[in-house]
Amino acid sequence: TVAADHPRRAVAAARIDAARGRLGETRAGQYPAVDIGLDTSRRLADHGVDTLDSRIRSSDDRSDVVLTARQLLYDGGATFDRIDGARARVSAARNEDRDEAALLIRDAVIAHLDVLEARTRLDLARAEADAYRALEARIAERLDLGGGTRGDGLRIAARLSEALATEAAQSRALDTAAEAYLELYGQEPPAGLILPPRPDAPREVQEAIGLIDGTSPALAARRDAERAARFDVDAADAEDWPELSLQVQGRRYDVFEDGRESDLVGRVVVSLPLYDGGARDGRQAQARAAMRAAEADTARIRRMLTRDVSAAVAVRAARDAELGALMSALEANEHARAIFRDEFEAGQRDLLDLIEVERDYHLAAARLVSGRVEAERAHWRLLEASGALGGAVGLLSLARQGDDE
């Protein structure tokens, strides 16, 4: 529902409608054009009528109804080229819509992950502050019993202040993530968010690159635009050929004077452009330049996607490897934390050791949370860059469909 309803797709929807309108306009060139008009004229004339050279002025007013039908018979294929070009533009607009939907899905998943990360890190910051409060209470008890020093209380108070500052920063980060979630989903993030399931993604660079040509809507849109530009070139070149059309015109004379005369005239019109000041050459040059630009844009997008998927595969692999190391680090810090607490109670560790191990533990936990979320982000970015995201979540069912063939 995010990709189907979000305002970001309104532009793509308008482009689809515009492309369909252009297709309808070009198809009309295959059919007769019929129009009706009123031809009104007034004619003034002077006539010499006798030997005295007298002159008489006369006038002639006419109002005729004219019905005209025209049918294009041949234009060098320009009409069919324009129709094919319009079809290609409809396809390009649909693929742009699919691309925008894929970007929205990726952004929505990342917004989900951002909220999940911010909530978890806020919980960790609160847990760290609670741990320092518990230590502060134990230090106070030891001071009451004559153990420890006032410096111990100052140390733990300083660490507690740092933890509270971290908690406030994480609360702001959660507010920011929640606003992004609301913008994309149209509702506040619900409680109990979990990691979304991972759709399959290519594991190797060559596999990911191989998917681009067949699945990337961004590349498909550029290829459609390139096809449309080629048809535009063909249509412009067809202007050098003769044009053949059939015209039938019926006229009823003096309709305001109860006229009863009428006629029907049929014409076969053949026209060949000889000179137009270079307008045809200009249109043909413009069409060829647009085709070269479309070809270059397709090559640019293909290179950009190849670069992006290569980087995404490397980043995803690095994040997954980093995740294993972070899990091991948290496990080691958790074990050290338990040992240091026991040794502190036994008098074998001082407060500074306990504070440091507590901070190391919560830092490792926060890094693990961020590392896990970064690994998920890298996976979804790889899905989007390779074009596999659409098939993974049924994107094609969200794209606007229509029969324009």
Protein backbone atom coordinates (compact mmCIF):
# COMPACT_ATOMS: atom_id res chain seq x y z
CA THR A 1 0.00 0.00 0.00
CA VAL A 2 2.92 2.36 0.54
CA ALA A 3 4.11 2.10 -3.06
CA ALA A 4 0.58 2.17 -4.47
CA ASP A 5 -0.70 5.23 -2.60
CA HIS A 6 2.25 7.48 -1.83
CA PRO A 7 2.18 10.98 -3.43
CA ARG A 8 5.64 10.41 -4.92
CA ARG A 9 3.97 8.24 -7.57
CA ALA A 10 1.62 11.00 -8.70
CA VAL A 11 4.21 12.34 -11.14
CA ALA A 12 4.71 8.90 -12.68
CA ALA A 13 0.93 8.44 -12.94
CA ALA A 14 0.58 11.77 -14.74
CA ARG A 15 3.34 10.79 -17.17
CA ILE A 16 1.54 7.53 -17.94
CA ASP A 17 -1.68 9.45 -18.65
CA ALA A 18 0.20 11.93 -20.85
CA ALA A 19 1.85 9.09 -22.79
CA ARG A 20 -1.51 7.40 -23.31
CA GLY A 21 -2.96 10.69 -24.54
CA ARG A 22 -0.12 11.04 -27.03
CA LEU A 23 -0.72 7.47 -28.21
CA GLY A 24 -4.39 8.25 -28.81
CA GLU A 25 -3.42 11.38 -30.72
CA THR A 26 -1.01 9.53 -33.02
CA ARG A 27 -3.49 6.70 -33.64
CA ALA A 28 -6.00 9.26 -34.89
CA GLY A 29 -3.79 9.76 -37.95
CA GLN A 30 -5.02 6.39 -39.29
CA TYR A 31 -8.65 7.48 -39.41
CA PRO A 32 -10.64 10.01 -41.45
CA ALA A 33 -10.90 13.57 -40.21
CA VAL A 34 -14.34 15.13 -40.71
CA ASP A 35 -15.21 18.76 -40.05
CA ILE A 36 -18.04 21.14 -40.83
CA GLY A 37 -17.71 24.86 -41.38
CA LEU A 38 -19.55 27.99 -42.43
CA ASP A 39 -18.02 29.92 -45.35
CA THR A 40 -19.34 33.49 -45.37
CA SER A 41 -18.21 36.06 -47.95
CA ARG A 42 -19.22 39.45 -49.34
CA ARG A 43 -18.16 40.60 -52.78
CA LEU A 44 -18.30 44.27 -53.95
CA ALA A 45 -17.95 45.20 -57.65
CA ASP A 46 -18.29 48.27 -59.91
CA HIS A 47 -19.83 47.85 -63.40
CA GLY A 48 -19.93 50.29 -66.40
CA VAL A 49 -23.43 50.03 -67.94
CA ASP A 50 -24.03 52.77 -70.61
CA THR A 51 -22.41 55.20 -73.04
CA LEU A 52 -22.52 58.00 -70.48
CA ASP A 53 -19.96 56.01 -68.58
CA SER A 54 -22.26 55.61 -65.61
CA ARG A 55 -21.15 53.02 -63.06
CA ILE A 56 -23.29 50.84 -60.83
CA ARG A 57 -21.93 49.24 -57.64
CA SER A 58 -23.26 45.79 -56.81
CA SER A 59 -22.69 43.36 -53.96
CA ASP A 60 -22.91 39.62 -53.58
CA ASP A 61 -23.33 38.04 -50.13
CA ARG A 62 -22.99 34.28 -49.65
CA SER A 63 -23.04 31.92 -46.70
CA ASP A 64 -22.23 28.31 -47.53
CA VAL A 65 -22.07 25.25 -45.28
CA VAL A 66 -19.05 23.08 -46.07
CA LEU A 67 -18.58 19.47 -44.93
CA THR A 68 -15.08 18.09 -45.50
CA ALA A 69 -13.71 14.57 -44.98
CA ARG A 70 -10.02 13.75 -45.33
CA GLN A 71 -8.28 10.38 -45.24
CA LEU A 72 -4.51 10.00 -45.27
CA LEU A 73 -3.49 7.16 -47.57
CA TYR A 74 0.31 7.28 -47.54
CA ASP A 75 2.94 9.36 -45.76
CA GLY A 76 6.09 7.25 -46.01
CA GLY A 77 5.24 5.40 -42.78
CA ALA A 78 5.47 8.49 -40.58
CA THR A 79 2.10 7.85 -38.91
CA PHE A 80 2.99 4.28 -37.98
CA ASP A 81 6.40 5.41 -36.70
CA ARG A 82 4.71 7.99 -34.48
CA ILE A 83 2.31 5.34 -33.15
CA ASP A 84 5.17 2.96 -32.36
CA GLY A 85 7.08 5.77 -30.68
CA ALA A 86 4.04 6.65 -28.56
CA ARG A 87 3.66 3.00 -27.52
CA ALA A 88 7.30 2.96 -26.45
CA ARG A 89 6.73 6.09 -24.37
CA VAL A 90 3.76 4.48 -22.62
CA SER A 91 5.98 1.52 -21.77
CA ALA A 92 8.72 3.88 -20.56
CA ALA A 93 6.26 5.73 -18.31
CA ARG A 94 5.06 2.46 -16.80
CA ASN A 95 8.61 1.35 -16.11
CA GLU A 96 9.35 4.71 -14.48
CA ASP A 97 6.32 4.09 -12.28
CA ARG A 98 7.67 0.65 -11.35
CA ASP A 99 11.06 2.17 -10.60
CA GLU A 100 9.51 4.77 -8.30
CA ALA A 101 7.50 2.04 -6.58
CA ALA A 102 10.69 0.02 -6.02
CA LEU A 103 12.43 3.07 -4.54
CA LEU A 104 9.46 3.65 -2.26
CA ILE A 105 9.47 0.05 -1.07
CA ARG A 106 13.19 0.27 -0.36
CA ASP A 107 12.76 3.57 1.49
CA ALA A 108 9.81 2.18 3.46
CA VAL A 109 11.81 -0.85 4.59
CA ILE A 110 14.75 1.37 5.55
CA ALA A 111 12.39 3.64 7.52
CA HIS A 112 11.09 0.54 9.31
CA LEU A 113 14.67 -0.49 10.11
CA ASP A 114 15.56 3.02 11.28
CA VAL A 115 12.70 3.00 13.80
CA LEU A 116 13.65 -0.47 14.98
CA GLU A 117 17.29 0.54 15.43
CA ALA A 118 16.42 3.78 17.22
CA ARG A 119 14.03 2.02 19.60
CA THR A 120 16.52 -0.71 20.43
CA ARG A 121 19.37 1.72 20.98
CA LEU A 122 17.13 3.89 23.17
CA ASP A 123 16.29 0.81 25.26
CA LEU A 124 20.02 0.05 25.55
CA ALA A 125 20.76 3.63 26.60
CA ARG A 126 18.09 3.42 29.28
CA ALA A 127 19.42 0.06 30.45
CA GLU A 128 22.93 1.54 30.69
CA ALA A 129 21.63 4.47 32.74
CA ASP A 130 19.78 2.04 35.02
CA ALA A 131 22.97 0.01 35.46
CA TYR A 132 24.87 3.12 36.54
CA ARG A 133 22.07 4.04 38.93
CA ALA A 134 22.32 0.60 40.48
CA LEU A 135 26.09 1.02 40.82
CA GLU A 136 25.56 4.46 42.30
CA ALA A 137 23.28 2.97 44.96
CA ARG A 138 25.81 0.25 45.76
CA ILE A 139 28.61 2.83 46.03
CA ALA A 140 26.46 4.86 48.42
CA GLU A 141 25.88 1.76 50.56
CA ARG A 142 29.61 1.06 50.65
CA LEU A 143 30.30 4.64 51.71
CA ASP A 144 27.76 4.30 54.52
CA LEU A 145 29.56 1.16 55.66
CA GLY A 146 32.92 2.93 55.55
CA GLY A 147 34.14 1.47 52.28
CA GLY A 148 35.12 3.20 49.05
CA THR A 149 35.78 6.88 48.56
CA ARG A 150 33.90 10.00 47.57
CA GLY A 151 35.76 9.87 44.28
CA ASP A 152 33.92 6.64 43.47
CA GLY A 153 30.62 8.47 43.75
CA LEU A 154 31.82 11.27 41.48
CA ARG A 155 33.03 8.78 38.88
CA ILE A 156 29.75 6.92 38.75
CA ALA A 157 27.82 10.22 38.65
CA ALA A 158 29.86 11.32 35.64
CA ARG A 159 29.17 8.03 33.82
CA LEU A 160 25.48 8.31 34.65
CA SER A 161 25.36 11.83 33.18
CA GLU A 162 26.99 10.56 29.97
CA ALA A 163 24.47 7.73 29.78
CA LEU A 164 21.58 10.17 30.23
CA ALA A 165 22.98 12.36 27.44
CA THR A 166 23.17 9.29 25.19
CA GLU A 167 19.59 8.44 26.11
CA ALA A 168 18.44 11.93 25.13
CA ALA A 169 20.30 11.70 21.80
CA GLN A 170 18.72 8.32 21.05
CA SER A 171 15.29 9.72 21.90
CA ARG A 172 15.81 12.48 19.31
CA ALA A 173 16.98 9.90 16.77
CA LEU A 174 13.81 7.90 17.41
CA ASP A 175 11.65 10.99 16.86
CA THR A 176 13.39 11.63 13.53
CA ALA A 177 12.97 8.01 12.43
CA ALA A 178 9.31 8.02 13.46
CA GLU A 179 8.66 11.15 11.36
CA ALA A 180 10.19 9.47 8.30
CA TYR A 181 8.07 6.38 8.97
CA LEU A 182 4.91 8.50 9.24
CA GLU A 183 5.72 10.27 5.95
CA LEU A 184 6.02 6.96 4.09
CA TYR A 185 3.37 4.83 5.79
CA GLY A 186 0.85 7.50 6.73
CA GLN A 187 0.69 6.28 10.34
CA GLU A 188 2.78 6.21 13.48
CA PRO A 189 5.13 3.23 13.79
CA PRO A 190 3.32 0.50 15.74
CA ALA A 191 4.70 -1.20 18.82
CA GLY A 192 6.50 -4.49 18.48
CA LEU A 193 8.34 -3.89 15.19
CA ILE A 194 10.59 -6.77 14.17
CA LEU A 195 13.10 -7.30 11.38
CA PRO A 196 11.31 -7.82 8.04
CA PRO A 197 11.99 -11.15 6.33
CA ARG A 198 14.87 -11.08 3.84
CA PRO A 199 13.90 -11.87 0.24
CA ASP A 200 16.52 -13.73 -1.74
CA ALA A 201 19.18 -11.53 -3.32
CA PRO A 202 22.12 -12.32 -5.62
CA ARG A 203 25.23 -13.46 -3.78
CA GLU A 204 27.85 -12.72 -6.43
CA VAL A 205 28.61 -9.60 -8.44
CA GLN A 206 28.17 -11.27 -11.83
CA GLU A 207 24.84 -12.74 -10.78
CA ALA A 208 23.64 -9.31 -9.67
CA ILE A 209 24.86 -7.64 -12.87
CA GLY A 210 23.12 -10.33 -14.91
CA LEU A 211 19.81 -9.43 -13.30
CA ILE A 212 20.00 -5.78 -14.34
CA ASP A 213 19.11 -6.21 -18.02
CA GLY A 214 16.11 -8.39 -17.29
CA THR A 215 14.67 -6.92 -14.10
CA SER A 216 15.73 -3.29 -13.60
CA PRO A 217 12.75 -0.97 -14.29
CA ALA A 218 15.09 2.03 -14.45
CA LEU A 219 17.06 0.47 -17.31
CA ALA A 220 13.88 -0.76 -19.01
CA ALA A 221 12.50 2.79 -18.99
CA ARG A 222 15.67 4.12 -20.65
CA ARG A 223 15.55 1.40 -23.31
CA ASP A 224 11.93 2.27 -24.07
CA ALA A 225 12.86 5.95 -24.37
CA GLU A 226 15.66 4.95 -26.74
CA ARG A 227 13.22 2.97 -28.92
CA ALA A 228 10.84 5.93 -28.99
CA ALA A 229 13.67 8.21 -30.12
CA ARG A 230 14.51 5.84 -33.00
CA PHE A 231 10.90 5.90 -34.17
CA ASP A 232 11.01 9.71 -34.02
CA VAL A 233 14.01 9.65 -36.37
CA ASP A 234 12.15 7.38 -38.79
CA ALA A 235 9.09 9.64 -38.69
CA ALA A 236 11.23 12.72 -39.36
CA ASP A 237 12.96 11.00 -42.30
CA ALA A 238 9.56 10.03 -43.75
CA GLU A 239 8.81 13.71 -44.34
CA ASP A 240 11.05 13.49 -47.43
CA TRP A 241 8.53 11.15 -49.08
CA PRO A 242 5.35 12.16 -50.94
CA GLU A 243 2.08 12.29 -49.05
CA LEU A 244 -1.08 10.91 -50.60
CA SER A 245 -4.53 11.71 -49.24
CA LEU A 246 -8.16 11.50 -50.30
CA GLN A 247 -10.47 14.47 -49.73
CA VAL A 248 -14.23 14.71 -50.20
CA GLN A 249 -15.97 18.07 -49.79
CA GLY A 250 -19.68 18.82 -49.92
CA ARG A 251 -21.00 22.41 -50.11
CA ARG A 252 -24.52 23.78 -49.64
CA TYR A 253 -24.81 27.31 -51.06
CA ASP A 254 -26.64 30.32 -49.62
CA VAL A 255 -28.04 28.56 -46.58
CA PHE A 256 -29.42 31.84 -45.17
CA GLU A 257 -31.22 32.63 -48.44
CA ASP A 258 -33.00 29.29 -48.75
CA GLY A 259 -30.44 28.20 -51.25
CA ARG A 260 -30.95 24.78 -52.75
CA GLU A 261 -27.78 24.42 -54.76
CA SER A 262 -25.09 22.06 -53.55
CA ASP A 263 -22.15 20.13 -54.90
CA LEU A 264 -19.87 17.28 -53.92
CA VAL A 265 -16.21 17.26 -54.94
CA GLY A 266 -13.71 14.44 -54.49
CA ARG A 267 -9.98 14.99 -54.72
CA VAL A 268 -6.88 12.85 -54.59
CA VAL A 269 -4.06 15.04 -53.31
CA VAL A 270 -0.40 14.17 -53.78
CA SER A 271 2.14 16.51 -52.22
CA LEU A 272 5.92 16.39 -52.17
CA PRO A 273 7.89 18.89 -50.10
CA LEU A 274 10.41 20.77 -52.22
CA TYR A 275 11.53 23.66 -50.04
CA ASP A 276 10.60 24.79 -46.54
CA GLY A 277 13.54 26.93 -45.53
CA GLY A 278 15.36 24.01 -43.87
CA ALA A 279 12.59 23.13 -41.39
CA ARG A 280 12.64 19.42 -42.30
CA ASP A 281 16.42 19.25 -41.98
CA GLY A 282 16.15 20.92 -38.59
CA ARG A 283 13.54 18.42 -37.37
CA GLN A 284 15.60 15.49 -38.60
CA ALA A 285 18.76 16.80 -36.94
CA GLN A 286 16.85 17.36 -33.71
CA ALA A 287 15.43 13.81 -33.80
CA ARG A 288 18.88 12.28 -34.38
CA ALA A 289 20.38 14.31 -31.55
CA ALA A 290 17.57 13.17 -29.23
CA MET A 291 18.25 9.56 -30.25
CA ARG A 292 21.96 9.91 -29.45
CA ALA A 293 21.06 11.44 -26.09
CA ALA A 294 18.69 8.54 -25.33
CA GLU A 295 21.36 5.99 -26.27
CA ALA A 296 23.90 7.75 -24.06
CA ASP A 297 21.40 7.88 -21.19
CA THR A 298 20.78 4.13 -21.47
CA ALA A 299 24.53 3.48 -21.37
CA ARG A 300 24.89 5.84 -18.40
CA ILE A 301 22.15 4.11 -16.40
CA ARG A 302 23.59 0.68 -17.19
CA ARG A 303 27.04 1.76 -15.97
CA MET A 304 25.57 3.38 -12.87
CA LEU A 305 23.54 0.27 -12.01
CA THR A 306 26.57 -1.97 -12.60
CA ARG A 307 28.58 0.22 -10.24
CA ASP A 308 25.81 0.28 -7.65
CA VAL A 309 25.20 -3.47 -7.61
CA SER A 310 28.94 -4.21 -7.44
CA ALA A 311 29.25 -1.90 -4.46
CA ALA A 312 26.05 -3.26 -2.90
CA VAL A 313 27.27 -6.87 -3.10
CA ALA A 314 30.59 -5.88 -1.49
CA VAL A 315 28.88 -3.84 1.23
CA ARG A 316 26.38 -6.61 2.01
CA ALA A 317 29.18 -9.19 2.30
CA ALA A 318 31.23 -6.85 4.51
CA ARG A 319 28.24 -6.11 6.75
CA ASP A 320 27.41 -9.79 7.14
CA ALA A 321 31.03 -10.56 8.05
CA GLU A 322 31.11 -7.63 10.46
CA LEU A 323 27.92 -8.87 12.08
CA GLY A 324 29.58 -12.13 13.11
CA ALA A 325 32.48 -10.25 14.68
CA LEU A 326 30.11 -7.93 16.56
CA MET A 327 28.16 -10.87 17.96
CA SER A 328 31.39 -12.42 19.22
CA ALA A 329 32.42 -9.08 20.74
CA LEU A 330 29.12 -8.75 22.61
CA GLU A 331 29.38 -12.30 23.92
CA ALA A 332 32.92 -11.66 25.20
CA ASN A 333 31.93 -8.35 26.81
CA GLU A 334 28.93 -9.94 28.48
CA HIS A 335 31.15 -12.66 29.94
CA ALA A 336 33.74 -10.10 31.11
CA ARG A 337 31.00 -8.00 32.68
CA ALA A 338 29.78 -10.88 34.81
CA ILE A 339 33.33 -11.76 35.91
CA PHE A 340 34.24 -8.16 36.76
CA ARG A 341 31.09 -7.76 38.86
CA ASP A 342 31.97 -10.84 40.91
CA GLU A 343 35.58 -9.69 41.29
CA PHE A 344 34.43 -6.21 42.33
CA GLU A 345 32.27 -7.71 45.06
CA ALA A 346 35.25 -9.77 46.18
CA GLY A 347 37.43 -6.66 46.32
CA GLN A 348 39.66 -7.79 43.42
CA ARG A 349 38.54 -5.00 41.07
CA ASP A 350 38.14 -1.30 41.66
CA LEU A 351 35.22 0.83 40.58
CA LEU A 352 37.00 2.14 37.49
CA ASP A 353 37.29 -1.43 36.12
CA LEU A 354 33.61 -2.02 36.74
CA ILE A 355 32.59 1.24 35.05
CA GLU A 356 34.76 0.52 32.01
CA VAL A 357 33.46 -3.02 31.56
CA GLU A 358 29.88 -1.78 31.91
CA ARG A 359 30.44 0.84 29.23
CA ASP A 360 32.22 -1.64 26.95
CA TYR A 361 29.29 -4.04 27.25
CA HIS A 362 26.65 -1.45 26.31
CA LEU A 363 28.85 -0.06 23.53
CA ALA A 364 29.22 -3.57 22.08
CA ALA A 365 25.46 -4.09 22.30
CA ALA A 366 24.77 -0.79 20.52
CA ARG A 367 27.29 -1.60 17.80
CA LEU A 368 25.71 -5.01 17.31
CA VAL A 369 22.26 -3.46 16.89
CA SER A 370 23.56 -0.93 14.36
CA GLY A 371 25.59 -3.61 12.58
CA ARG A 372 22.56 -5.86 12.24
CA VAL A 373 20.42 -3.05 10.87
CA GLU A 374 23.19 -1.95 8.49
CA ALA A 375 23.40 -5.51 7.15
CA GLU A 376 19.65 -5.42 6.49
CA ARG A 377 19.88 -2.02 4.80
CA ALA A 378 22.69 -3.29 2.56
CA HIS A 379 20.58 -6.31 1.58
CA TRP A 380 17.56 -4.20 0.59
CA ARG A 381 19.71 -1.71 -1.30
CA LEU A 382 21.19 -4.62 -3.25
CA LEU A 383 17.68 -5.86 -4.08
CA GLU A 384 16.69 -2.43 -5.40
CA ALA A 385 19.91 -1.80 -7.34
CA SER A 386 19.83 -5.19 -9.08
CA GLY A 387 16.14 -4.89 -9.98
CA ALA A 388 15.29 -7.98 -7.93
CA LEU A 389 13.13 -6.00 -5.49
CA GLY A 390 10.10 -5.97 -7.79
CA GLY A 391 9.94 -9.75 -8.09
CA ALA A 392 10.75 -10.22 -4.41
CA VAL A 393 7.69 -8.34 -3.13
CA GLY A 394 5.27 -8.61 -6.06
CA LEU A 395 5.93 -5.09 -7.27
CA LEU A 396 4.42 -5.70 -10.69
CA SER A 397 0.99 -6.07 -9.09
CA LEU A 398 1.39 -2.54 -7.71
CA ALA A 399 2.33 -0.95 -11.03
CA ARG A 400 -0.42 0.69 -13.03
CA GLN A 401 -1.57 -1.51 -15.86
CA GLY A 402 -3.58 -0.83 -19.00
CA ASP A 403 -4.18 -2.16 -22.50
CA ASP A 404 -2.59 0.27 -24.91
CA GLU A 405 -1.66 -2.16 -27.66
